[in-house]
Amino acid sequence: MDTTDLVEITDAGQLTELLGEPLPRVRDKVRPQLCDLDRQWLAQSPFCLVATADADGNCDVSPKGDPAGDLTLVLDDTTLAIAERPGNRRMDGFHNILSNPHVGLVFLVPGRGDTLRVNGRARLVREAPFLDRMTVKGHRPLLALLVEVEEVFYHCSKAFLRSDLWKPETWQPEKTPPRARIAKALERPEDSMEELERYYGPRYADHLYG
């Protein structure tokens, strides 16, 4: 694209001049550890996003999901764990953590516009006594993401309200290509559409944990 007409922000002063200073209550809301309200939120959250970057700054955001109450194990006020379940084995975020342990997590509760944000340092743990407590549907995780909490705060709901994310009457999933068609075009061209539609069909959920 032609970038000659772009006007960039190149320093923090310009950014503040354009967007303004945060209110003191917003600036100062970051806490160093979990409180009881955070524990209640985490117990009801079935989904989070884990953001990582490698030593060169290459970024990744990975979704993690489990039934509410099973997604996050709070070990103490500054430590939580998230189980790794069967996936595509790319392990992009995990490779990042091996070279740069800093992580950012956003925990969602369906129907709620606010989110809980946790920043900290992560380790990959393949064996620990608490892994037994993370068993879901008979499947004990092979490893867990262990996060040492450094910052905790809640984020407001404006983005969710603007997007109408939780309003089913605004959902139009049929306007995007089906998963089978995406796979055929970009990932598995050698497979037939019939095979892909069967694979991504109703039985896809039968293999979430093994």
N, C-alpha and C. Protein backbone atom coordinates (compact mmCIF):
# COMPACT_ATOMS: atom_id res chain seq x y z
N MET A 1 0.84 -1.20 0.00
CA MET A 1 0.00 0.00 0.00
C MET A 1 0.88 1.25 0.00
N ASP A 2 0.31 2.34 -0.48
CA ASP A 2 1.01 3.62 -0.51
C ASP A 2 0.93 4.25 0.88
N THR A 3 2.07 4.49 1.52
CA THR A 3 2.09 5.04 2.88
C THR A 3 2.49 6.51 2.93
N THR A 4 2.57 7.15 1.78
CA THR A 4 3.09 8.53 1.77
C THR A 4 2.18 9.50 2.50
N ASP A 5 0.89 9.22 2.61
CA ASP A 5 -0.04 10.15 3.25
C ASP A 5 -0.34 9.79 4.70
N LEU A 6 0.35 8.80 5.23
CA LEU A 6 0.11 8.41 6.61
C LEU A 6 0.77 9.38 7.58
N VAL A 7 0.09 9.67 8.67
CA VAL A 7 0.66 10.48 9.74
C VAL A 7 0.79 9.57 10.96
N GLU A 8 2.00 9.22 11.31
CA GLU A 8 2.24 8.25 12.36
C GLU A 8 2.43 8.90 13.72
N ILE A 9 2.11 8.11 14.76
CA ILE A 9 2.49 8.43 16.12
C ILE A 9 3.84 7.79 16.37
N THR A 10 4.82 8.56 16.81
CA THR A 10 6.18 8.04 16.94
C THR A 10 6.74 8.14 18.35
N ASP A 11 6.01 8.76 19.29
CA ASP A 11 6.49 8.78 20.67
C ASP A 11 5.31 8.89 21.62
N ALA A 12 5.58 8.63 22.90
CA ALA A 12 4.52 8.59 23.91
C ALA A 12 3.85 9.94 24.09
N GLY A 13 4.60 11.03 23.94
CA GLY A 13 4.02 12.36 24.09
C GLY A 13 2.94 12.63 23.06
N GLN A 14 3.20 12.25 21.81
CA GLN A 14 2.20 12.43 20.76
C GLN A 14 0.95 11.60 21.05
N LEU A 15 1.17 10.39 21.55
CA LEU A 15 0.04 9.51 21.86
C LEU A 15 -0.85 10.11 22.94
N THR A 16 -0.22 10.61 24.00
CA THR A 16 -0.97 11.22 25.10
C THR A 16 -1.68 12.48 24.63
N GLU A 17 -1.03 13.27 23.80
CA GLU A 17 -1.64 14.49 23.28
C GLU A 17 -2.91 14.18 22.49
N LEU A 18 -2.88 13.09 21.77
CA LEU A 18 -4.03 12.72 20.94
C LEU A 18 -5.16 12.09 21.76
N LEU A 19 -4.82 11.15 22.64
CA LEU A 19 -5.84 10.37 23.35
C LEU A 19 -6.12 10.85 24.78
N GLY A 20 -5.22 11.61 25.35
CA GLY A 20 -5.42 12.13 26.68
C GLY A 20 -4.85 11.24 27.77
N GLU A 21 -4.85 11.75 28.99
CA GLU A 21 -4.35 11.02 30.15
C GLU A 21 -5.47 10.15 30.74
N PRO A 22 -5.13 8.96 31.25
CA PRO A 22 -6.15 8.15 31.91
C PRO A 22 -6.55 8.78 33.25
N LEU A 23 -7.78 8.53 33.66
CA LEU A 23 -8.22 8.97 34.98
C LEU A 23 -7.38 8.27 36.05
N PRO A 24 -7.17 8.92 37.18
CA PRO A 24 -6.36 8.29 38.24
C PRO A 24 -6.87 6.91 38.64
N ARG A 25 -8.19 6.73 38.71
CA ARG A 25 -8.72 5.42 39.13
C ARG A 25 -8.43 4.34 38.09
N VAL A 26 -8.29 4.74 36.84
CA VAL A 26 -7.93 3.79 35.78
C VAL A 26 -6.43 3.53 35.81
N ARG A 27 -5.67 4.59 35.94
CA ARG A 27 -4.20 4.47 35.97
C ARG A 27 -3.73 3.62 37.15
N ASP A 28 -4.43 3.73 38.28
CA ASP A 28 -3.95 3.11 39.52
C ASP A 28 -4.67 1.82 39.88
N LYS A 29 -5.45 1.25 38.96
CA LYS A 29 -6.25 0.07 39.31
C LYS A 29 -5.47 -1.24 39.26
N VAL A 30 -4.26 -1.22 38.77
CA VAL A 30 -3.47 -2.45 38.65
C VAL A 30 -3.06 -2.93 40.04
N ARG A 31 -3.28 -4.24 40.28
CA ARG A 31 -2.94 -4.86 41.57
C ARG A 31 -1.90 -5.95 41.35
N PRO A 32 -1.09 -6.27 42.37
CA PRO A 32 -0.02 -7.25 42.20
C PRO A 32 -0.44 -8.68 42.49
N GLN A 33 -1.66 -8.91 42.95
CA GLN A 33 -2.07 -10.27 43.26
C GLN A 33 -3.58 -10.42 43.16
N LEU A 34 -4.02 -11.67 43.13
CA LEU A 34 -5.44 -11.97 43.02
C LEU A 34 -6.15 -11.72 44.34
N CYS A 35 -7.40 -11.29 44.24
CA CYS A 35 -8.25 -11.14 45.42
C CYS A 35 -9.42 -12.12 45.29
N ASP A 36 -10.30 -12.13 46.27
CA ASP A 36 -11.41 -13.07 46.25
C ASP A 36 -12.33 -12.84 45.05
N LEU A 37 -12.54 -11.58 44.68
CA LEU A 37 -13.38 -11.29 43.51
C LEU A 37 -12.78 -11.87 42.24
N ASP A 38 -11.45 -11.81 42.14
CA ASP A 38 -10.78 -12.40 40.98
C ASP A 38 -10.97 -13.91 40.95
N ARG A 39 -10.86 -14.53 42.12
CA ARG A 39 -11.04 -15.98 42.20
C ARG A 39 -12.46 -16.37 41.76
N GLN A 40 -13.44 -15.57 42.15
CA GLN A 40 -14.82 -15.86 41.73
C GLN A 40 -14.95 -15.73 40.22
N TRP A 41 -14.31 -14.72 39.66
CA TRP A 41 -14.36 -14.54 38.20
C TRP A 41 -13.71 -15.73 37.49
N LEU A 42 -12.52 -16.11 37.94
CA LEU A 42 -11.80 -17.21 37.30
C LEU A 42 -12.58 -18.52 37.41
N ALA A 43 -13.32 -18.69 38.49
CA ALA A 43 -14.11 -19.91 38.65
C ALA A 43 -15.26 -19.98 37.66
N GLN A 44 -15.67 -18.84 37.11
CA GLN A 44 -16.79 -18.80 36.17
C GLN A 44 -16.34 -18.61 34.72
N SER A 45 -15.04 -18.45 34.50
CA SER A 45 -14.54 -18.19 33.15
C SER A 45 -14.19 -19.50 32.45
N PRO A 46 -14.80 -19.78 31.29
CA PRO A 46 -14.47 -20.98 30.53
C PRO A 46 -13.49 -20.73 29.38
N PHE A 47 -13.03 -19.48 29.24
CA PHE A 47 -12.27 -19.13 28.04
C PHE A 47 -11.30 -18.00 28.35
N CYS A 48 -10.07 -18.14 27.86
CA CYS A 48 -9.11 -17.04 27.98
C CYS A 48 -8.22 -16.98 26.75
N LEU A 49 -7.60 -15.85 26.56
CA LEU A 49 -6.63 -15.63 25.50
C LEU A 49 -5.27 -15.44 26.15
N VAL A 50 -4.26 -16.15 25.63
CA VAL A 50 -2.91 -16.09 26.18
C VAL A 50 -2.01 -15.43 25.14
N ALA A 51 -1.48 -14.26 25.47
CA ALA A 51 -0.61 -13.52 24.56
C ALA A 51 0.84 -13.71 24.96
N THR A 52 1.68 -13.99 23.97
CA THR A 52 3.11 -14.20 24.20
C THR A 52 3.90 -13.54 23.07
N ALA A 53 5.20 -13.41 23.30
CA ALA A 53 6.12 -12.94 22.26
C ALA A 53 7.45 -13.63 22.47
N ASP A 54 8.15 -13.93 21.38
CA ASP A 54 9.45 -14.56 21.53
C ASP A 54 10.52 -13.49 21.79
N ALA A 55 11.77 -13.90 21.88
CA ALA A 55 12.85 -12.98 22.22
C ALA A 55 13.03 -11.89 21.17
N ASP A 56 12.57 -12.12 19.95
CA ASP A 56 12.68 -11.13 18.88
C ASP A 56 11.44 -10.27 18.74
N GLY A 57 10.43 -10.51 19.59
CA GLY A 57 9.22 -9.70 19.54
C GLY A 57 8.12 -10.26 18.65
N ASN A 58 8.31 -11.44 18.06
CA ASN A 58 7.25 -12.06 17.26
C ASN A 58 6.15 -12.54 18.19
N CYS A 59 4.92 -12.15 17.90
CA CYS A 59 3.81 -12.33 18.84
C CYS A 59 2.89 -13.49 18.47
N ASP A 60 2.16 -13.94 19.48
CA ASP A 60 1.14 -14.97 19.29
C ASP A 60 0.05 -14.75 20.33
N VAL A 61 -1.18 -15.04 19.96
CA VAL A 61 -2.29 -15.07 20.91
C VAL A 61 -3.01 -16.40 20.73
N SER A 62 -3.09 -17.19 21.80
CA SER A 62 -3.68 -18.52 21.72
C SER A 62 -4.93 -18.60 22.59
N PRO A 63 -6.04 -19.12 22.05
CA PRO A 63 -7.24 -19.32 22.86
C PRO A 63 -7.12 -20.59 23.69
N LYS A 64 -7.63 -20.54 24.91
CA LYS A 64 -7.69 -21.70 25.80
C LYS A 64 -9.11 -21.81 26.34
N GLY A 65 -9.64 -23.04 26.35
CA GLY A 65 -11.00 -23.21 26.83
C GLY A 65 -11.21 -24.53 27.54
N ASP A 66 -12.02 -24.50 28.58
CA ASP A 66 -12.42 -25.66 29.35
C ASP A 66 -13.74 -25.28 30.02
N PRO A 67 -14.45 -26.26 30.58
CA PRO A 67 -15.65 -25.90 31.33
C PRO A 67 -15.32 -24.91 32.45
N ALA A 68 -16.25 -24.00 32.72
CA ALA A 68 -16.05 -23.06 33.82
C ALA A 68 -15.74 -23.83 35.10
N GLY A 69 -14.73 -23.39 35.80
CA GLY A 69 -14.27 -24.08 36.99
C GLY A 69 -13.10 -25.00 36.73
N ASP A 70 -12.91 -25.40 35.46
CA ASP A 70 -11.81 -26.28 35.09
C ASP A 70 -10.71 -25.57 34.30
N LEU A 71 -11.00 -24.39 33.78
CA LEU A 71 -10.01 -23.70 32.94
C LEU A 71 -8.79 -23.27 33.74
N THR A 72 -9.02 -22.65 34.89
CA THR A 72 -7.95 -22.05 35.66
C THR A 72 -7.90 -22.62 37.06
N LEU A 73 -6.74 -23.08 37.46
CA LEU A 73 -6.53 -23.54 38.82
C LEU A 73 -5.73 -22.46 39.55
N VAL A 74 -6.35 -21.85 40.56
CA VAL A 74 -5.67 -20.84 41.36
C VAL A 74 -4.94 -21.55 42.50
N LEU A 75 -3.62 -21.47 42.48
CA LEU A 75 -2.81 -22.15 43.49
C LEU A 75 -2.59 -21.28 44.72
N ASP A 76 -2.45 -19.99 44.52
CA ASP A 76 -2.40 -19.02 45.62
C ASP A 76 -2.64 -17.65 45.02
N ASP A 77 -2.47 -16.59 45.81
CA ASP A 77 -2.82 -15.26 45.35
C ASP A 77 -1.92 -14.73 44.24
N THR A 78 -0.80 -15.38 43.99
CA THR A 78 0.11 -14.91 42.94
C THR A 78 0.48 -16.01 41.95
N THR A 79 -0.26 -17.12 41.97
CA THR A 79 0.07 -18.23 41.06
C THR A 79 -1.19 -18.89 40.54
N LEU A 80 -1.26 -19.07 39.24
CA LEU A 80 -2.36 -19.81 38.64
C LEU A 80 -1.82 -20.72 37.55
N ALA A 81 -2.63 -21.72 37.21
CA ALA A 81 -2.22 -22.70 36.20
C ALA A 81 -3.36 -22.92 35.21
N ILE A 82 -2.99 -23.11 33.94
CA ILE A 82 -3.94 -23.41 32.88
C ILE A 82 -3.47 -24.68 32.18
N ALA A 83 -4.33 -25.66 32.09
CA ALA A 83 -3.97 -26.95 31.49
C ALA A 83 -3.87 -26.83 29.98
N GLU A 84 -2.94 -27.58 29.41
CA GLU A 84 -2.87 -27.71 27.95
C GLU A 84 -3.66 -28.94 27.53
N ARG A 85 -4.62 -28.74 26.66
CA ARG A 85 -5.45 -29.82 26.13
C ARG A 85 -5.02 -30.16 24.70
N PRO A 86 -5.45 -31.30 24.15
CA PRO A 86 -5.06 -31.66 22.78
C PRO A 86 -5.43 -30.58 21.78
N GLY A 87 -4.48 -30.26 20.90
CA GLY A 87 -4.70 -29.23 19.90
C GLY A 87 -3.96 -29.56 18.62
N ASN A 88 -3.50 -28.51 17.93
CA ASN A 88 -2.87 -28.72 16.62
C ASN A 88 -1.36 -28.96 16.71
N ARG A 89 -0.81 -28.92 17.91
CA ARG A 89 0.60 -29.20 18.17
C ARG A 89 1.56 -28.17 17.60
N ARG A 90 1.07 -27.01 17.18
CA ARG A 90 1.99 -25.97 16.72
C ARG A 90 2.81 -25.40 17.89
N MET A 91 2.16 -25.21 19.02
CA MET A 91 2.84 -24.77 20.24
C MET A 91 3.53 -23.42 20.08
N ASP A 92 2.95 -22.53 19.28
CA ASP A 92 3.58 -21.23 19.04
C ASP A 92 3.82 -20.47 20.33
N GLY A 93 2.79 -20.36 21.16
CA GLY A 93 2.95 -19.63 22.40
C GLY A 93 3.93 -20.28 23.35
N PHE A 94 3.94 -21.60 23.39
CA PHE A 94 4.86 -22.30 24.27
C PHE A 94 6.31 -22.10 23.82
N HIS A 95 6.55 -22.13 22.52
CA HIS A 95 7.90 -21.84 22.03
C HIS A 95 8.32 -20.43 22.42
N ASN A 96 7.38 -19.49 22.35
CA ASN A 96 7.69 -18.12 22.77
C ASN A 96 8.10 -18.07 24.24
N ILE A 97 7.36 -18.77 25.08
CA ILE A 97 7.62 -18.73 26.52
C ILE A 97 9.00 -19.28 26.84
N LEU A 98 9.47 -20.25 26.07
CA LEU A 98 10.79 -20.80 26.32
C LEU A 98 11.89 -19.77 26.15
N SER A 99 11.66 -18.75 25.34
CA SER A 99 12.67 -17.71 25.15
C SER A 99 12.30 -16.39 25.82
N ASN A 100 11.02 -16.22 26.16
CA ASN A 100 10.54 -14.98 26.79
C ASN A 100 9.35 -15.32 27.66
N PRO A 101 9.49 -15.35 28.98
CA PRO A 101 8.43 -15.87 29.84
C PRO A 101 7.26 -14.92 30.07
N HIS A 102 7.32 -13.70 29.57
CA HIS A 102 6.25 -12.74 29.84
C HIS A 102 4.97 -13.12 29.09
N VAL A 103 3.85 -13.13 29.80
CA VAL A 103 2.56 -13.47 29.19
C VAL A 103 1.50 -12.47 29.63
N GLY A 104 0.49 -12.33 28.78
CA GLY A 104 -0.70 -11.55 29.12
C GLY A 104 -1.92 -12.42 28.88
N LEU A 105 -2.84 -12.43 29.84
CA LEU A 105 -4.03 -13.26 29.74
C LEU A 105 -5.28 -12.40 29.90
N VAL A 106 -6.29 -12.71 29.11
CA VAL A 106 -7.60 -12.06 29.22
C VAL A 106 -8.64 -13.15 29.44
N PHE A 107 -9.34 -13.08 30.57
CA PHE A 107 -10.34 -14.08 30.93
C PHE A 107 -11.74 -13.52 30.68
N LEU A 108 -12.54 -14.30 29.91
CA LEU A 108 -13.90 -13.90 29.55
C LEU A 108 -14.91 -14.73 30.32
N VAL A 109 -16.05 -14.11 30.61
CA VAL A 109 -17.22 -14.80 31.14
C VAL A 109 -18.36 -14.54 30.16
N PRO A 110 -18.97 -15.58 29.60
CA PRO A 110 -20.04 -15.37 28.61
C PRO A 110 -21.13 -14.45 29.13
N GLY A 111 -21.49 -13.49 28.29
CA GLY A 111 -22.53 -12.55 28.66
C GLY A 111 -22.03 -11.32 29.37
N ARG A 112 -20.79 -11.33 29.83
CA ARG A 112 -20.21 -10.17 30.52
C ARG A 112 -19.32 -9.40 29.56
N GLY A 113 -19.44 -8.08 29.60
CA GLY A 113 -18.62 -7.24 28.74
C GLY A 113 -17.27 -6.91 29.34
N ASP A 114 -17.18 -6.90 30.68
CA ASP A 114 -15.89 -6.64 31.29
C ASP A 114 -15.04 -7.91 31.25
N THR A 115 -13.74 -7.75 31.36
CA THR A 115 -12.82 -8.88 31.31
C THR A 115 -11.79 -8.72 32.42
N LEU A 116 -11.23 -9.86 32.84
CA LEU A 116 -10.16 -9.85 33.83
C LEU A 116 -8.84 -10.04 33.10
N ARG A 117 -7.91 -9.14 33.35
CA ARG A 117 -6.61 -9.19 32.69
C ARG A 117 -5.54 -9.53 33.72
N VAL A 118 -4.67 -10.46 33.34
CA VAL A 118 -3.57 -10.89 34.20
C VAL A 118 -2.29 -10.88 33.38
N ASN A 119 -1.29 -10.19 33.88
CA ASN A 119 0.04 -10.21 33.27
C ASN A 119 1.02 -10.86 34.24
N GLY A 120 1.98 -11.57 33.71
CA GLY A 120 2.94 -12.22 34.59
C GLY A 120 4.02 -12.94 33.83
N ARG A 121 4.66 -13.86 34.53
CA ARG A 121 5.73 -14.66 33.96
C ARG A 121 5.32 -16.12 34.01
N ALA A 122 5.58 -16.83 32.92
CA ALA A 122 5.07 -18.19 32.78
C ALA A 122 6.19 -19.21 32.70
N ARG A 123 5.85 -20.43 33.13
CA ARG A 123 6.71 -21.60 32.98
C ARG A 123 5.86 -22.74 32.45
N LEU A 124 6.49 -23.68 31.77
CA LEU A 124 5.82 -24.87 31.28
C LEU A 124 6.16 -26.01 32.22
N VAL A 125 5.13 -26.60 32.81
CA VAL A 125 5.33 -27.63 33.83
C VAL A 125 4.77 -28.95 33.31
N ARG A 126 5.61 -29.95 33.19
CA ARG A 126 5.17 -31.25 32.68
C ARG A 126 4.78 -32.22 33.78
N GLU A 127 5.22 -31.95 35.02
CA GLU A 127 4.85 -32.80 36.15
C GLU A 127 4.75 -31.96 37.40
N ALA A 128 3.65 -32.12 38.11
CA ALA A 128 3.41 -31.40 39.37
C ALA A 128 2.22 -32.06 40.05
N PRO A 129 2.17 -32.04 41.38
CA PRO A 129 1.04 -32.66 42.07
C PRO A 129 -0.32 -32.08 41.65
N PHE A 130 -0.33 -30.78 41.31
CA PHE A 130 -1.62 -30.16 41.00
C PHE A 130 -2.18 -30.58 39.64
N LEU A 131 -1.40 -31.25 38.80
CA LEU A 131 -1.93 -31.70 37.51
C LEU A 131 -3.09 -32.68 37.69
N ASP A 132 -3.07 -33.45 38.77
CA ASP A 132 -4.18 -34.37 39.03
C ASP A 132 -5.48 -33.60 39.22
N ARG A 133 -5.41 -32.41 39.78
CA ARG A 133 -6.60 -31.59 40.02
C ARG A 133 -7.12 -30.95 38.74
N MET A 134 -6.37 -31.06 37.64
CA MET A 134 -6.76 -30.45 36.38
C MET A 134 -7.30 -31.48 35.39
N THR A 135 -7.59 -32.68 35.89
CA THR A 135 -8.17 -33.73 35.06
C THR A 135 -9.60 -33.36 34.68
N VAL A 136 -9.92 -33.46 33.39
CA VAL A 136 -11.27 -33.19 32.88
C VAL A 136 -11.70 -34.37 32.02
N LYS A 137 -12.87 -34.89 32.32
CA LYS A 137 -13.43 -36.02 31.59
C LYS A 137 -12.44 -37.19 31.51
N GLY A 138 -11.73 -37.40 32.62
CA GLY A 138 -10.80 -38.52 32.71
C GLY A 138 -9.44 -38.28 32.09
N HIS A 139 -9.18 -37.08 31.58
CA HIS A 139 -7.93 -36.79 30.90
C HIS A 139 -7.09 -35.82 31.72
N ARG A 140 -5.94 -36.30 32.18
CA ARG A 140 -4.98 -35.48 32.91
C ARG A 140 -4.09 -34.77 31.90
N PRO A 141 -3.87 -33.46 32.04
CA PRO A 141 -3.06 -32.76 31.04
C PRO A 141 -1.61 -33.22 31.05
N LEU A 142 -0.98 -33.18 29.87
CA LEU A 142 0.42 -33.53 29.75
C LEU A 142 1.31 -32.42 30.29
N LEU A 143 0.81 -31.20 30.26
CA LEU A 143 1.56 -30.09 30.84
C LEU A 143 0.60 -28.97 31.19
N ALA A 144 1.10 -28.02 31.96
CA ALA A 144 0.30 -26.86 32.34
C ALA A 144 1.14 -25.60 32.19
N LEU A 145 0.46 -24.51 31.90
CA LEU A 145 1.08 -23.20 31.89
C LEU A 145 0.97 -22.64 33.30
N LEU A 146 2.09 -22.48 33.96
CA LEU A 146 2.13 -21.97 35.32
C LEU A 146 2.50 -20.49 35.27
N VAL A 147 1.63 -19.64 35.77
CA VAL A 147 1.81 -18.20 35.65
C VAL A 147 2.01 -17.58 37.02
N GLU A 148 3.11 -16.87 37.17
CA GLU A 148 3.38 -16.08 38.37
C GLU A 148 2.80 -14.68 38.12
N VAL A 149 1.76 -14.35 38.86
CA VAL A 149 0.99 -13.14 38.62
C VAL A 149 1.82 -11.91 39.03
N GLU A 150 1.83 -10.90 38.14
CA GLU A 150 2.50 -9.64 38.43
C GLU A 150 1.53 -8.46 38.41
N GLU A 151 0.54 -8.53 37.52
CA GLU A 151 -0.45 -7.45 37.41
C GLU A 151 -1.84 -8.05 37.19
N VAL A 152 -2.82 -7.48 37.88
CA VAL A 152 -4.21 -7.91 37.74
C VAL A 152 -5.10 -6.68 37.68
N PHE A 153 -6.03 -6.65 36.74
CA PHE A 153 -7.03 -5.57 36.74
C PHE A 153 -8.17 -5.95 35.81
N TYR A 154 -9.29 -5.27 35.99
CA TYR A 154 -10.46 -5.48 35.15
C TYR A 154 -10.49 -4.43 34.05
N HIS A 155 -10.95 -4.88 32.88
CA HIS A 155 -11.08 -3.98 31.74
C HIS A 155 -12.56 -3.74 31.48
N CYS A 156 -12.89 -2.53 31.10
CA CYS A 156 -14.30 -2.15 30.92
C CYS A 156 -14.92 -2.85 29.71
N SER A 157 -16.23 -2.70 29.56
CA SER A 157 -16.99 -3.46 28.58
C SER A 157 -17.24 -2.74 27.25
N LYS A 158 -16.60 -1.58 27.03
CA LYS A 158 -16.93 -0.78 25.84
C LYS A 158 -16.74 -1.56 24.53
N ALA A 159 -15.65 -2.33 24.42
CA ALA A 159 -15.42 -3.06 23.17
C ALA A 159 -16.51 -4.09 22.91
N PHE A 160 -16.98 -4.77 23.97
CA PHE A 160 -18.04 -5.76 23.82
C PHE A 160 -19.37 -5.09 23.49
N LEU A 161 -19.62 -3.93 24.08
CA LEU A 161 -20.86 -3.21 23.78
C LEU A 161 -20.85 -2.68 22.35
N ARG A 162 -19.72 -2.16 21.90
CA ARG A 162 -19.65 -1.66 20.52
C ARG A 162 -19.85 -2.78 19.51
N SER A 163 -19.31 -3.96 19.83
CA SER A 163 -19.35 -5.07 18.88
C SER A 163 -20.63 -5.90 18.95
N ASP A 164 -21.46 -5.68 19.99
CA ASP A 164 -22.65 -6.52 20.21
C ASP A 164 -22.29 -8.00 20.29
N LEU A 165 -21.14 -8.29 20.85
CA LEU A 165 -20.62 -9.65 20.81
C LEU A 165 -21.56 -10.68 21.42
N TRP A 166 -22.23 -10.33 22.52
CA TRP A 166 -23.06 -11.30 23.22
C TRP A 166 -24.53 -11.23 22.82
N LYS A 167 -24.86 -10.52 21.75
CA LYS A 167 -26.25 -10.41 21.30
C LYS A 167 -26.50 -11.41 20.16
N PRO A 168 -27.13 -12.54 20.43
CA PRO A 168 -27.34 -13.55 19.38
C PRO A 168 -28.07 -13.02 18.15
N GLU A 169 -28.93 -12.01 18.34
CA GLU A 169 -29.68 -11.49 17.20
C GLU A 169 -28.78 -10.80 16.18
N THR A 170 -27.54 -10.47 16.57
CA THR A 170 -26.60 -9.85 15.63
C THR A 170 -25.67 -10.87 14.98
N TRP A 171 -25.71 -12.11 15.43
CA TRP A 171 -24.79 -13.12 14.90
C TRP A 171 -25.19 -13.55 13.50
N GLN A 172 -24.23 -13.66 12.61
CA GLN A 172 -24.47 -14.12 11.24
C GLN A 172 -23.35 -15.07 10.81
N PRO A 173 -23.21 -16.20 11.47
CA PRO A 173 -22.10 -17.11 11.15
C PRO A 173 -22.16 -17.63 9.73
N GLU A 174 -23.34 -17.66 9.14
CA GLU A 174 -23.46 -18.19 7.79
C GLU A 174 -22.82 -17.28 6.74
N LYS A 175 -22.47 -16.03 7.12
CA LYS A 175 -21.85 -15.11 6.17
C LYS A 175 -20.34 -15.32 6.03
N THR A 176 -19.78 -16.20 6.85
CA THR A 176 -18.38 -16.55 6.72
C THR A 176 -18.27 -17.96 6.17
N PRO A 177 -17.20 -18.26 5.44
CA PRO A 177 -17.07 -19.60 4.85
C PRO A 177 -17.05 -20.67 5.94
N PRO A 178 -17.67 -21.83 5.70
CA PRO A 178 -17.62 -22.92 6.66
C PRO A 178 -16.18 -23.37 6.90
N ARG A 179 -15.94 -23.93 8.08
CA ARG A 179 -14.58 -24.37 8.43
C ARG A 179 -14.05 -25.38 7.42
N ALA A 180 -14.90 -26.27 6.94
CA ALA A 180 -14.45 -27.27 5.98
C ALA A 180 -13.95 -26.62 4.69
N ARG A 181 -14.63 -25.57 4.24
CA ARG A 181 -14.21 -24.91 3.01
C ARG A 181 -12.88 -24.17 3.21
N ILE A 182 -12.70 -23.56 4.38
CA ILE A 182 -11.43 -22.89 4.68
C ILE A 182 -10.29 -23.91 4.68
N ALA A 183 -10.52 -25.05 5.32
CA ALA A 183 -9.49 -26.08 5.36
C ALA A 183 -9.15 -26.59 3.96
N LYS A 184 -10.17 -26.76 3.13
CA LYS A 184 -9.95 -27.25 1.76
C LYS A 184 -9.10 -26.27 0.96
N ALA A 185 -9.37 -24.97 1.12
CA ALA A 185 -8.68 -23.96 0.33
C ALA A 185 -7.27 -23.68 0.84
N LEU A 186 -7.05 -23.75 2.16
CA LEU A 186 -5.81 -23.25 2.71
C LEU A 186 -4.94 -24.29 3.41
N GLU A 187 -5.53 -25.39 3.87
CA GLU A 187 -4.78 -26.28 4.73
C GLU A 187 -4.73 -27.73 4.25
N ARG A 188 -5.84 -28.22 3.72
CA ARG A 188 -5.92 -29.64 3.38
C ARG A 188 -6.51 -29.82 1.98
N PRO A 189 -5.85 -29.27 0.95
CA PRO A 189 -6.41 -29.33 -0.41
C PRO A 189 -6.53 -30.75 -0.94
N GLU A 190 -5.75 -31.68 -0.39
CA GLU A 190 -5.78 -33.05 -0.88
C GLU A 190 -7.01 -33.82 -0.41
N ASP A 191 -7.69 -33.33 0.61
CA ASP A 191 -8.88 -34.01 1.15
C ASP A 191 -10.13 -33.57 0.41
N SER A 192 -11.08 -34.45 0.31
CA SER A 192 -12.35 -34.10 -0.35
C SER A 192 -13.20 -33.27 0.60
N MET A 193 -14.13 -32.51 0.01
CA MET A 193 -15.05 -31.73 0.84
C MET A 193 -15.89 -32.63 1.72
N GLU A 194 -16.25 -33.81 1.20
CA GLU A 194 -17.05 -34.74 2.00
C GLU A 194 -16.29 -35.17 3.25
N GLU A 195 -15.00 -35.47 3.09
CA GLU A 195 -14.18 -35.85 4.24
C GLU A 195 -14.08 -34.71 5.25
N LEU A 196 -13.85 -33.51 4.74
CA LEU A 196 -13.68 -32.37 5.62
C LEU A 196 -14.98 -32.00 6.33
N GLU A 197 -16.09 -32.06 5.62
CA GLU A 197 -17.38 -31.75 6.26
C GLU A 197 -17.71 -32.78 7.34
N ARG A 198 -17.32 -34.02 7.10
CA ARG A 198 -17.52 -35.04 8.11
C ARG A 198 -16.61 -34.80 9.32
N TYR A 199 -15.35 -34.44 9.05
CA TYR A 199 -14.39 -34.22 10.13
C TYR A 199 -14.80 -33.03 11.00
N TYR A 200 -15.22 -31.93 10.38
CA TYR A 200 -15.58 -30.72 11.12
C TYR A 200 -17.07 -30.68 11.47
N GLY A 201 -17.75 -31.77 11.29
CA GLY A 201 -19.18 -31.84 11.58
C GLY A 201 -19.48 -32.05 13.06
N PRO A 202 -20.68 -32.55 13.37
CA PRO A 202 -21.11 -32.70 14.76
C PRO A 202 -20.20 -33.58 15.61
N ARG A 203 -19.49 -34.54 14.98
CA ARG A 203 -18.64 -35.44 15.75
C ARG A 203 -17.29 -34.83 16.12
N TYR A 204 -17.01 -33.62 15.64
CA TYR A 204 -15.74 -32.96 15.94
C TYR A 204 -15.55 -32.81 17.45
N ALA A 205 -16.63 -32.56 18.14
CA ALA A 205 -16.56 -32.34 19.60
C ALA A 205 -16.32 -33.61 20.38
N ASP A 206 -16.35 -34.76 19.72
CA ASP A 206 -16.13 -36.02 20.43
C ASP A 206 -14.68 -36.22 20.84
N HIS A 207 -13.76 -35.42 20.31
CA HIS A 207 -12.34 -35.67 20.53
C HIS A 207 -11.65 -34.46 21.14
N LEU A 208 -12.33 -33.77 22.02
CA LEU A 208 -11.76 -32.55 22.60
C LEU A 208 -10.68 -32.83 23.65
N TYR A 209 -10.74 -34.00 24.25
CA TYR A 209 -9.80 -34.30 25.34
C TYR A 209 -8.95 -35.53 25.08
N GLY A 210 -9.05 -36.11 23.92
CA GLY A 210 -8.22 -37.25 23.64
C GLY A 210 -8.61 -37.91 22.34
